[in-house]
C-alpha atoms as a PDB file:
ATOM      1  CA  MET A   1       0.000   0.000   0.000  1.00  0.00           C
ATOM      2  CA  ASN A   2       1.186   3.544  -0.757  1.00  0.00           C
ATOM      3  CA  PHE A   3       2.738   5.083   2.422  1.00  0.00           C
ATOM      4  CA  SER A   4       0.711   8.307   2.207  1.00  0.00           C
ATOM      5  CA  ILE A   5      -2.485   6.232   2.176  1.00  0.00           C
ATOM      6  CA  PHE A   6      -1.205   4.131   5.098  1.00  0.00           C
ATOM      7  CA  PHE A   7      -0.338   7.077   7.329  1.00  0.00           C
ATOM      8  CA  LEU A   8      -3.593   8.887   6.553  1.00  0.00           C
ATOM      9  CA  SER A   9      -5.494   5.708   7.425  1.00  0.00           C
ATOM     10  CA  VAL A  10      -3.619   5.367  10.732  1.00  0.00           C
ATOM     11  CA  PHE A  11      -4.279   9.011  11.573  1.00  0.00           C
ATOM     12  CA  LEU A  12      -7.977   8.663  10.841  1.00  0.00           C
ATOM     13  CA  CYS A  13      -8.267   5.599  13.061  1.00  0.00           C
ATOM     14  CA  PHE A  14      -7.468   7.750  16.098  1.00  0.00           C
ATOM     15  CA  ASN A  15     -10.186  10.297  15.399  1.00  0.00           C
ATOM     16  CA  THR A  16     -13.326  10.214  17.538  1.00  0.00           C
ATOM     17  CA  PHE A  17     -16.266  10.163  15.169  1.00  0.00           C
ATOM     18  CA  ALA A  18     -19.140  12.434  16.153  1.00  0.00           C
ATOM     19  CA  LYS A  19     -21.082  11.931  12.916  1.00  0.00           C
ATOM     20  CA  LYS A  20     -22.369   8.819  11.180  1.00  0.00           C
ATOM     21  CA  VAL A  21     -23.529   8.251   7.631  1.00  0.00           C
ATOM     22  CA  THR A  22     -25.447   5.215   6.384  1.00  0.00           C
ATOM     23  CA  ILE A  23     -24.920   4.342   2.731  1.00  0.00           C
ATOM     24  CA  ALA A  24     -26.996   1.932   0.665  1.00  0.00           C
ATOM     25  CA  THR A  25     -25.027  -0.112  -1.830  1.00  0.00           C
ATOM     26  CA  LEU A  26     -25.042  -3.426  -3.667  1.00  0.00           C
ATOM     27  CA  GLU A  27     -22.901  -6.447  -4.404  1.00  0.00           C
ATOM     28  CA  TRP A  28     -21.002  -5.103  -7.425  1.00  0.00           C
ATOM     29  CA  PRO A  29     -17.466  -6.469  -7.277  1.00  0.00           C
ATOM     30  CA  PRO A  30     -14.742  -5.473  -7.928  1.00  0.00           C
ATOM     31  CA  TYR A  31     -16.001  -1.943  -7.188  1.00  0.00           C
ATOM     32  CA  ILE A  32     -17.847  -2.783  -3.979  1.00  0.00           C
ATOM     33  CA  SER A  33     -18.733  -5.974  -2.136  1.00  0.00           C
ATOM     34  CA  GLU A  34     -19.327  -7.154   1.401  1.00  0.00           C
ATOM     35  CA  LYS A  35     -17.245 -10.227   0.589  1.00  0.00           C
ATOM     36  CA  ILE A  36     -13.914  -8.639  -0.393  1.00  0.00           C
ATOM     37  CA  GLU A  37     -11.155  -6.996   1.657  1.00  0.00           C
ATOM     38  CA  GLY A  38     -11.913  -3.359   2.389  1.00  0.00           C
ATOM     39  CA  HIS A  39     -15.217  -3.794   0.514  1.00  0.00           C
ATOM     40  CA  GLY A  40     -13.578  -2.755  -2.794  1.00  0.00           C
ATOM     41  CA  SER A  41     -12.238   0.424  -4.374  1.00  0.00           C
ATOM     42  CA  VAL A  42     -15.463   2.451  -4.201  1.00  0.00           C
ATOM     43  CA  ALA A  43     -15.993   1.649  -0.524  1.00  0.00           C
ATOM     44  CA  ARG A  44     -12.380   2.554   0.277  1.00  0.00           C
ATOM     45  CA  ILE A  45     -12.611   5.905  -1.506  1.00  0.00           C
ATOM     46  CA  VAL A  46     -15.943   6.862   0.049  1.00  0.00           C
ATOM     47  CA  THR A  47     -14.922   5.711   3.533  1.00  0.00           C
ATOM     48  CA  MET A  48     -11.638   7.621   3.432  1.00  0.00           C
ATOM     49  CA  ALA A  49     -13.312  10.789   2.138  1.00  0.00           C
ATOM     50  CA  PHE A  50     -15.919  10.724   4.897  1.00  0.00           C
ATOM     51  CA  LYS A  51     -13.401   9.819   7.610  1.00  0.00           C
ATOM     52  CA  SER A  52     -11.222  12.766   6.612  1.00  0.00           C
ATOM     53  CA  VAL A  53     -14.072  15.071   7.695  1.00  0.00           C
ATOM     54  CA  GLY A  54     -14.984  13.158  10.850  1.00  0.00           C
ATOM     55  CA  TYR A  55     -17.656  10.677   9.783  1.00  0.00           C
ATOM     56  CA  GLU A  56     -18.109   7.020  10.612  1.00  0.00           C
ATOM     57  CA  VAL A  57     -19.436   5.102   7.601  1.00  0.00           C
ATOM     58  CA  GLN A  58     -21.879   2.200   7.608  1.00  0.00           C
ATOM     59  CA  PHE A  59     -22.738   0.354   4.381  1.00  0.00           C
ATOM     60  CA  GLU A  60     -26.003  -1.514   3.866  1.00  0.00           C
ATOM     61  CA  PHE A  61     -25.717  -4.118   1.092  1.00  0.00           C
ATOM     62  CA  LEU A  62     -29.049  -4.476  -0.705  1.00  0.00           C
ATOM     63  CA  PRO A  63     -30.518  -5.427  -4.086  1.00  0.00           C
ATOM     64  CA  TRP A  64     -30.080  -2.347  -6.281  1.00  0.00           C
ATOM     65  CA  ALA A  65     -33.770  -1.531  -6.724  1.00  0.00           C
ATOM     66  CA  ARG A  66     -34.249  -1.599  -2.944  1.00  0.00           C
ATOM     67  CA  ALA A  67     -31.129   0.512  -2.386  1.00  0.00           C
ATOM     68  CA  LEU A  68     -32.552   3.159  -4.731  1.00  0.00           C
ATOM     69  CA  SER A  69     -35.894   3.071  -2.933  1.00  0.00           C
ATOM     70  CA  TYR A  70     -34.229   3.466   0.472  1.00  0.00           C
ATOM     71  CA  VAL A  71     -32.179   6.507  -0.507  1.00  0.00           C
ATOM     72  CA  GLU A  72     -35.045   8.210  -2.335  1.00  0.00           C
ATOM     73  CA  ARG A  73     -37.257   7.841   0.762  1.00  0.00           C
ATOM     74  CA  GLY A  74     -34.517   9.006   3.126  1.00  0.00           C
ATOM     75  CA  LYS A  75     -34.295   5.647   4.867  1.00  0.00           C
ATOM     76  CA  VAL A  76     -30.511   5.879   4.366  1.00  0.00           C
ATOM     77  CA  ASP A  77     -28.328   8.951   3.914  1.00  0.00           C
ATOM     78  CA  ALA A  78     -26.695   8.087   0.606  1.00  0.00           C
ATOM     79  CA  ILE A  79     -26.142   5.521  -2.128  1.00  0.00           C
ATOM     80  CA  VAL A  80     -23.005   4.404  -3.958  1.00  0.00           C
ATOM     81  CA  PRO A  81     -21.866   3.803  -6.646  1.00  0.00           C
ATOM     82  CA  ILE A  82     -24.408   5.498  -8.860  1.00  0.00           C
ATOM     83  CA  TYR A  83     -24.548   6.967 -12.355  1.00  0.00           C
ATOM     84  CA  LYS A  84     -25.800  10.551 -12.584  1.00  0.00           C
ATOM     85  CA  THR A  85     -28.992  11.115 -14.588  1.00  0.00           C
ATOM     86  CA  ILE A  86     -31.406  14.040 -14.860  1.00  0.00           C
ATOM     87  CA  GLU A  87     -34.181  11.917 -13.358  1.00  0.00           C
ATOM     88  CA  ARG A  88     -32.078  10.860 -10.379  1.00  0.00           C
ATOM     89  CA  GLU A  89     -30.973  14.449  -9.710  1.00  0.00           C
ATOM     90  CA  LYS A  90     -34.572  15.242  -8.750  1.00  0.00           C
ATOM     91  CA  LYS A  91     -34.182  13.140  -5.593  1.00  0.00           C
ATOM     92  CA  LEU A  92     -30.434  13.048  -4.966  1.00  0.00           C
ATOM     93  CA  HIS A  93     -27.525  15.431  -4.502  1.00  0.00           C
ATOM     94  CA  PHE A  94     -24.605  14.042  -6.501  1.00  0.00           C
ATOM     95  CA  SER A  95     -21.021  14.408  -5.325  1.00  0.00           C
ATOM     96  CA  SER A  96     -19.257  17.349  -6.947  1.00  0.00           C
ATOM     97  CA  SER A  97     -17.055  14.975  -8.924  1.00  0.00           C
ATOM     98  CA  SER A  98     -16.957  11.318  -9.867  1.00  0.00           C
ATOM     99  CA  PHE A  99     -14.232   9.110  -8.423  1.00  0.00           C
ATOM    100  CA  GLN A 100     -14.084   6.139 -10.790  1.00  0.00           C
ATOM    101  CA  SER A 101     -15.070   5.176 -14.334  1.00  0.00           C
ATOM    102  CA  SER A 102     -17.405   2.355 -15.346  1.00  0.00           C
ATOM    103  CA  PRO A 103     -17.132   0.974 -18.912  1.00  0.00           C
ATOM    104  CA  LEU A 104     -20.580  -0.272 -19.961  1.00  0.00           C
ATOM    105  CA  VAL A 105     -20.358  -3.171 -22.431  1.00  0.00           C
ATOM    106  CA  LEU A 106     -22.320  -6.018 -23.974  1.00  0.00           C
ATOM    107  CA  TYR A 107     -21.643  -9.740 -23.558  1.00  0.00           C
ATOM    108  CA  LYS A 108     -22.887 -12.677 -25.615  1.00  0.00           C
ATOM    109  CA  ARG A 109     -22.356 -16.427 -25.855  1.00  0.00           C
ATOM    110  CA  LYS A 110     -19.358 -17.363 -27.980  1.00  0.00           C
ATOM    111  CA  ASP A 111     -21.394 -19.830 -30.027  1.00  0.00           C
ATOM    112  CA  ALA A 112     -24.257 -17.397 -30.683  1.00  0.00           C
ATOM    113  CA  ASN A 113     -24.764 -15.724 -34.038  1.00  0.00           C
ATOM    114  CA  VAL A 114     -25.129 -12.264 -32.493  1.00  0.00           C
ATOM    115  CA  GLN A 115     -24.036  -9.379 -34.721  1.00  0.00           C
ATOM    116  CA  ILE A 116     -24.086  -5.951 -33.065  1.00  0.00           C
ATOM    117  CA  GLY A 117     -22.340  -3.011 -34.696  1.00  0.00           C
ATOM    118  CA  LYS A 118     -24.666  -0.274 -33.468  1.00  0.00           C
ATOM    119  CA  GLN A 119     -27.148  -0.121 -30.612  1.00  0.00           C
ATOM    120  CA  ILE A 120     -30.046  -0.279 -33.068  1.00  0.00           C
ATOM    121  CA  ASP A 121     -28.994  -3.880 -33.779  1.00  0.00           C
ATOM    122  CA  LEU A 122     -30.231  -4.745 -30.285  1.00  0.00           C
ATOM    123  CA  LEU A 123     -33.754  -4.667 -31.728  1.00  0.00           C
ATOM    124  CA  ASN A 124     -32.988  -8.116 -33.158  1.00  0.00           C
ATOM    125  CA  TYR A 125     -32.163  -9.753 -29.822  1.00  0.00           C
ATOM    126  CA  LYS A 126     -33.403 -10.367 -26.292  1.00  0.00           C
ATOM    127  CA  LEU A 127     -31.422  -8.133 -23.934  1.00  0.00           C
ATOM    128  CA  GLY A 128     -30.694  -8.902 -20.279  1.00  0.00           C
ATOM    129  CA  LEU A 129     -30.742  -5.949 -17.866  1.00  0.00           C
ATOM    130  CA  VAL A 130     -30.711  -5.441 -14.086  1.00  0.00           C
ATOM    131  CA  ASN A 131     -33.664  -3.879 -12.264  1.00  0.00           C
ATOM    132  CA  GLY A 132     -32.991  -0.216 -11.522  1.00  0.00           C
ATOM    133  CA  TYR A 133     -29.737   0.049 -13.497  1.00  0.00           C
ATOM    134  CA  ASN A 134     -29.175   2.949 -15.870  1.00  0.00           C
ATOM    135  CA  ASN A 135     -27.771   1.810 -19.221  1.00  0.00           C
ATOM    136  CA  THR A 136     -27.802   4.031 -22.311  1.00  0.00           C
ATOM    137  CA  GLU A 137     -30.629   6.358 -23.300  1.00  0.00           C
ATOM    138  CA  PHE A 138     -31.332   4.220 -26.367  1.00  0.00           C
ATOM    139  CA  ILE A 139     -31.613   1.026 -24.321  1.00  0.00           C
ATOM    140  CA  ASP A 140     -33.589   2.495 -21.439  1.00  0.00           C
ATOM    141  CA  THR A 141     -36.139   4.408 -23.522  1.00  0.00           C
ATOM    142  CA  ASN A 142     -36.603   2.134 -26.547  1.00  0.00           C
ATOM    143  CA  LYS A 143     -39.756   0.069 -26.083  1.00  0.00           C
ATOM    144  CA  LYS A 144     -39.070  -2.010 -29.190  1.00  0.00           C
ATOM    145  CA  ILE A 145     -36.134  -3.823 -27.570  1.00  0.00           C
ATOM    146  CA  SER A 146     -37.059  -7.172 -26.032  1.00  0.00           C
ATOM    147  CA  LYS A 147     -35.840  -6.829 -22.431  1.00  0.00           C
ATOM    148  CA  SER A 148     -35.502  -9.326 -19.605  1.00  0.00           C
ATOM    149  CA  TYR A 149     -34.822  -7.975 -16.105  1.00  0.00           C
ATOM    150  CA  SER A 150     -32.971  -9.662 -13.245  1.00  0.00           C
ATOM    151  CA  ARG A 151     -31.973  -8.788  -9.696  1.00  0.00           C
ATOM    152  CA  ASP A 152     -28.223  -8.680 -10.391  1.00  0.00           C
ATOM    153  CA  ASP A 153     -25.461  -9.174 -12.961  1.00  0.00           C
ATOM    154  CA  PHE A 154     -24.571 -12.712 -11.891  1.00  0.00           C
ATOM    155  CA  ILE A 155     -28.112 -13.901 -12.590  1.00  0.00           C
ATOM    156  CA  ASN A 156     -27.908 -12.311 -16.045  1.00  0.00           C
ATOM    157  CA  LEU A 157     -24.640 -14.119 -16.780  1.00  0.00           C
ATOM    158  CA  LYS A 158     -26.306 -17.424 -15.877  1.00  0.00           C
ATOM    159  CA  LYS A 159     -29.350 -16.613 -18.022  1.00  0.00           C
ATOM    160  CA  LEU A 160     -27.035 -15.773 -20.918  1.00  0.00           C
ATOM    161  CA  LEU A 161     -25.166 -19.058 -20.502  1.00  0.00           C
ATOM    162  CA  ARG A 162     -28.450 -21.001 -20.474  1.00  0.00           C
ATOM    163  CA  ASN A 163     -29.594 -19.328 -23.708  1.00  0.00           C
ATOM    164  CA  ARG A 164     -32.540 -17.601 -22.038  1.00  0.00           C
ATOM    165  CA  ILE A 165     -31.318 -14.236 -23.361  1.00  0.00           C
ATOM    166  CA  ASP A 166     -29.085 -13.304 -26.302  1.00  0.00           C
ATOM    167  CA  VAL A 167     -26.979 -10.479 -24.894  1.00  0.00           C
ATOM    168  CA  ILE A 168     -26.511  -8.583 -21.621  1.00  0.00           C
ATOM    169  CA  SER A 169     -25.554  -5.038 -20.669  1.00  0.00           C
ATOM    170  CA  ILE A 170     -22.924  -5.085 -17.912  1.00  0.00           C
ATOM    171  CA  ASP A 171     -19.966  -3.146 -16.548  1.00  0.00           C
ATOM    172  CA  ARG A 172     -16.777  -4.534 -18.104  1.00  0.00           C
ATOM    173  CA  GLU A 173     -14.869  -4.906 -14.822  1.00  0.00           C
ATOM    174  CA  VAL A 174     -17.843  -6.511 -13.082  1.00  0.00           C
ATOM    175  CA  ALA A 175     -18.067  -9.034 -15.927  1.00  0.00           C
ATOM    176  CA  ARG A 176     -14.318  -9.723 -15.773  1.00  0.00           C
ATOM    177  CA  TYR A 177     -14.463 -10.277 -12.024  1.00  0.00           C
ATOM    178  CA  LEU A 178     -17.530 -12.540 -12.031  1.00  0.00           C
ATOM    179  CA  ILE A 179     -16.232 -14.604 -14.949  1.00  0.00           C
ATOM    180  CA  SER A 180     -12.775 -14.964 -13.351  1.00  0.00           C
ATOM    181  CA  LYS A 181     -14.366 -16.246 -10.141  1.00  0.00           C
ATOM    182  CA  ASN A 182     -16.480 -18.758 -12.066  1.00  0.00           C
ATOM    183  CA  LYS A 183     -14.048 -19.776 -14.823  1.00  0.00           C
ATOM    184  CA  THR A 184     -15.308 -23.311 -15.390  1.00  0.00           C
ATOM    185  CA  LYS A 185     -18.855 -22.044 -15.744  1.00  0.00           C
ATOM    186  CA  PHE A 186     -18.369 -18.935 -17.887  1.00  0.00           C
ATOM    187  CA  GLN A 187     -14.901 -18.346 -19.332  1.00  0.00           C
ATOM    188  CA  ASP A 188     -15.029 -20.624 -22.371  1.00  0.00           C
ATOM    189  CA  HIS A 189     -18.619 -19.778 -23.207  1.00  0.00           C
ATOM    190  CA  LEU A 190     -19.058 -15.986 -23.015  1.00  0.00           C
ATOM    191  CA  SER A 191     -17.394 -13.165 -24.916  1.00  0.00           C
ATOM    192  CA  LEU A 192     -17.213  -9.380 -24.849  1.00  0.00           C
ATOM    193  CA  ILE A 193     -18.688  -7.337 -27.691  1.00  0.00           C
ATOM    194  CA  SER A 194     -16.486  -4.333 -28.514  1.00  0.00           C
ATOM    195  CA  PRO A 195     -16.449  -1.368 -28.373  1.00  0.00           C
ATOM    196  CA  ALA A 196     -17.970  -0.229 -25.066  1.00  0.00           C
ATOM    197  CA  LEU A 197     -21.491   1.194 -25.170  1.00  0.00           C
ATOM    198  CA  ASP A 198     -20.466   4.064 -22.905  1.00  0.00           C
ATOM    199  CA  ILE A 199     -17.957   5.083 -20.239  1.00  0.00           C
ATOM    200  CA  LYS A 200     -20.022   5.940 -17.194  1.00  0.00           C
ATOM    201  CA  LYS A 201     -18.860   7.898 -14.147  1.00  0.00           C
ATOM    202  CA  LEU A 202     -19.405   6.704 -10.583  1.00  0.00           C
ATOM    203  CA  PHE A 203     -20.727   9.150  -7.980  1.00  0.00           C
ATOM    204  CA  LEU A 204     -22.045   9.220  -4.441  1.00  0.00           C
ATOM    205  CA  GLY A 205     -25.728  10.150  -4.349  1.00  0.00           C
ATOM    206  CA  ILE A 206     -27.047  11.819  -1.186  1.00  0.00           C
ATOM    207  CA  SER A 207     -30.743  11.693  -0.340  1.00  0.00           C
ATOM    208  CA  LYS A 208     -32.597  15.004  -0.520  1.00  0.00           C
ATOM    209  CA  ASN A 209     -35.179  13.500   1.832  1.00  0.00           C
ATOM    210  CA  THR A 210     -33.224  13.891   5.105  1.00  0.00           C
ATOM    211  CA  SER A 211     -32.691  16.887   7.376  1.00  0.00           C
ATOM    212  CA  LYS A 212     -28.891  16.645   7.107  1.00  0.00           C
ATOM    213  CA  SER A 213     -28.614  16.152   3.348  1.00  0.00           C
ATOM    214  CA  LYS A 214     -26.987  19.495   2.504  1.00  0.00           C
ATOM    215  CA  LYS A 215     -24.402  19.173   5.285  1.00  0.00           C
ATOM    216  CA  THR A 216     -23.594  15.584   4.317  1.00  0.00           C
ATOM    217  CA  PHE A 217     -23.259  16.701   0.697  1.00  0.00           C
ATOM    218  CA  ASN A 218     -20.903  19.571   1.525  1.00  0.00           C
ATOM    219  CA  ASP A 219     -18.841  17.535   3.978  1.00  0.00           C
ATOM    220  CA  PHE A 220     -18.356  14.666   1.537  1.00  0.00           C
ATOM    221  CA  ASN A 221     -17.240  17.018  -1.226  1.00  0.00           C
ATOM    222  CA  THR A 222     -14.715  18.555   1.176  1.00  0.00           C
ATOM    223  CA  GLY A 223     -13.431  15.112   2.125  1.00  0.00           C
ATOM    224  CA  LEU A 224     -13.258  13.950  -1.482  1.00  0.00           C
ATOM    225  CA  LYS A 225     -11.154  16.984  -2.352  1.00  0.00           C
ATOM    226  CA  LYS A 226      -8.794  16.191   0.539  1.00  0.00           C
ATOM    227  CA  ILE A 227      -8.078  12.662  -0.678  1.00  0.00           C
ATOM    228  CA  GLU A 228      -8.354  13.074  -4.457  1.00  0.00           C
ATOM    229  CA  HIS A 229      -4.583  12.652  -4.915  1.00  0.00           C
ATOM    230  CA  LEU A 230      -4.853   9.210  -3.273  1.00  0.00           C
ATOM    231  CA  ILE A 231      -7.715   7.873  -5.399  1.00  0.00           C
ATOM    232  CA  PRO A 232      -5.649   6.373  -8.274  1.00  0.00           C
ATOM    233  CA  GLN A 233      -3.546   4.433  -5.759  1.00  0.00           C
ATOM    234  CA  LEU A 234      -6.618   3.262  -3.837  1.00  0.00           C
ATOM    235  CA  ILE A 235      -8.129   1.916  -7.063  1.00  0.00           C
ATOM    236  CA  ASN A 236      -4.876   0.294  -8.144  1.00  0.00           C
ATOM    237  CA  ASP A 237      -4.328  -1.358  -4.748  1.00  0.00           C
ATOM    238  CA  SER A 238      -7.872  -2.675  -4.568  1.00  0.00           C
ATOM    239  CA  PHE A 239      -7.859  -4.122  -8.088  1.00  0.00           C
ATOM    240  CA  SER A 240      -4.352  -5.578  -7.666  1.00  0.00           C
ATOM    241  CA  GLU A 241      -5.387  -7.385  -4.487  1.00  0.00           C
ATOM    242  CA  LEU A 242      -8.161  -9.043  -6.502  1.00  0.00           C
ATOM    243  CA  GLY A 243      -5.753 -10.105  -9.243  1.00  0.00           C
ATOM    244  CA  MET A 244      -7.160  -7.686 -11.797  1.00  0.00           C
END
């Protein structure tokens, strides 16, 4: 681990936290997961940013649709990681800057005769999506695309393997991680369709439906600014530990 990150972490451990923030999230490795060391790169970045301004962070791991519902109703203070959209900005304050990129791609079975050069070609296939995820405007608004929704990305990978859908929309690093952890099941049977559909940005979204939302928003942005020089190393360390 980079020494500047180590010493900042040690310093923060000795702070007495007067403030707490509860953040809804999901199982979305390698970015964030209850099952990996440090909960992943996104969790490390968000935790360090909040700790630098005196907050204790608690993550609640939930299905994505439920996580969105919780933060919109103010049942939790924030949600992460989240793509920024005009619709979501009606209910959430988004962090002043993103802290990681998310390449959105398509996957298919290697033996399938799936030919996609442009997004309009998706009209010819059954597309697997996750409930509550934002994809591209074309995918999310086009009612002519045959869509099948699941609770998470892993379920979609299994549906793709079993020929229940033709193609899935998924973050590239999430796909790489899930396939690498289930090599015998997926690796020889699924393939990436290039190029990426989009390069999304990951943000923290703070509920507008709590009494402390503005303060939490301002404090997080201050903390994020304090640690921004450490973010590339945090991401690199987290991904390296996972063999990525």
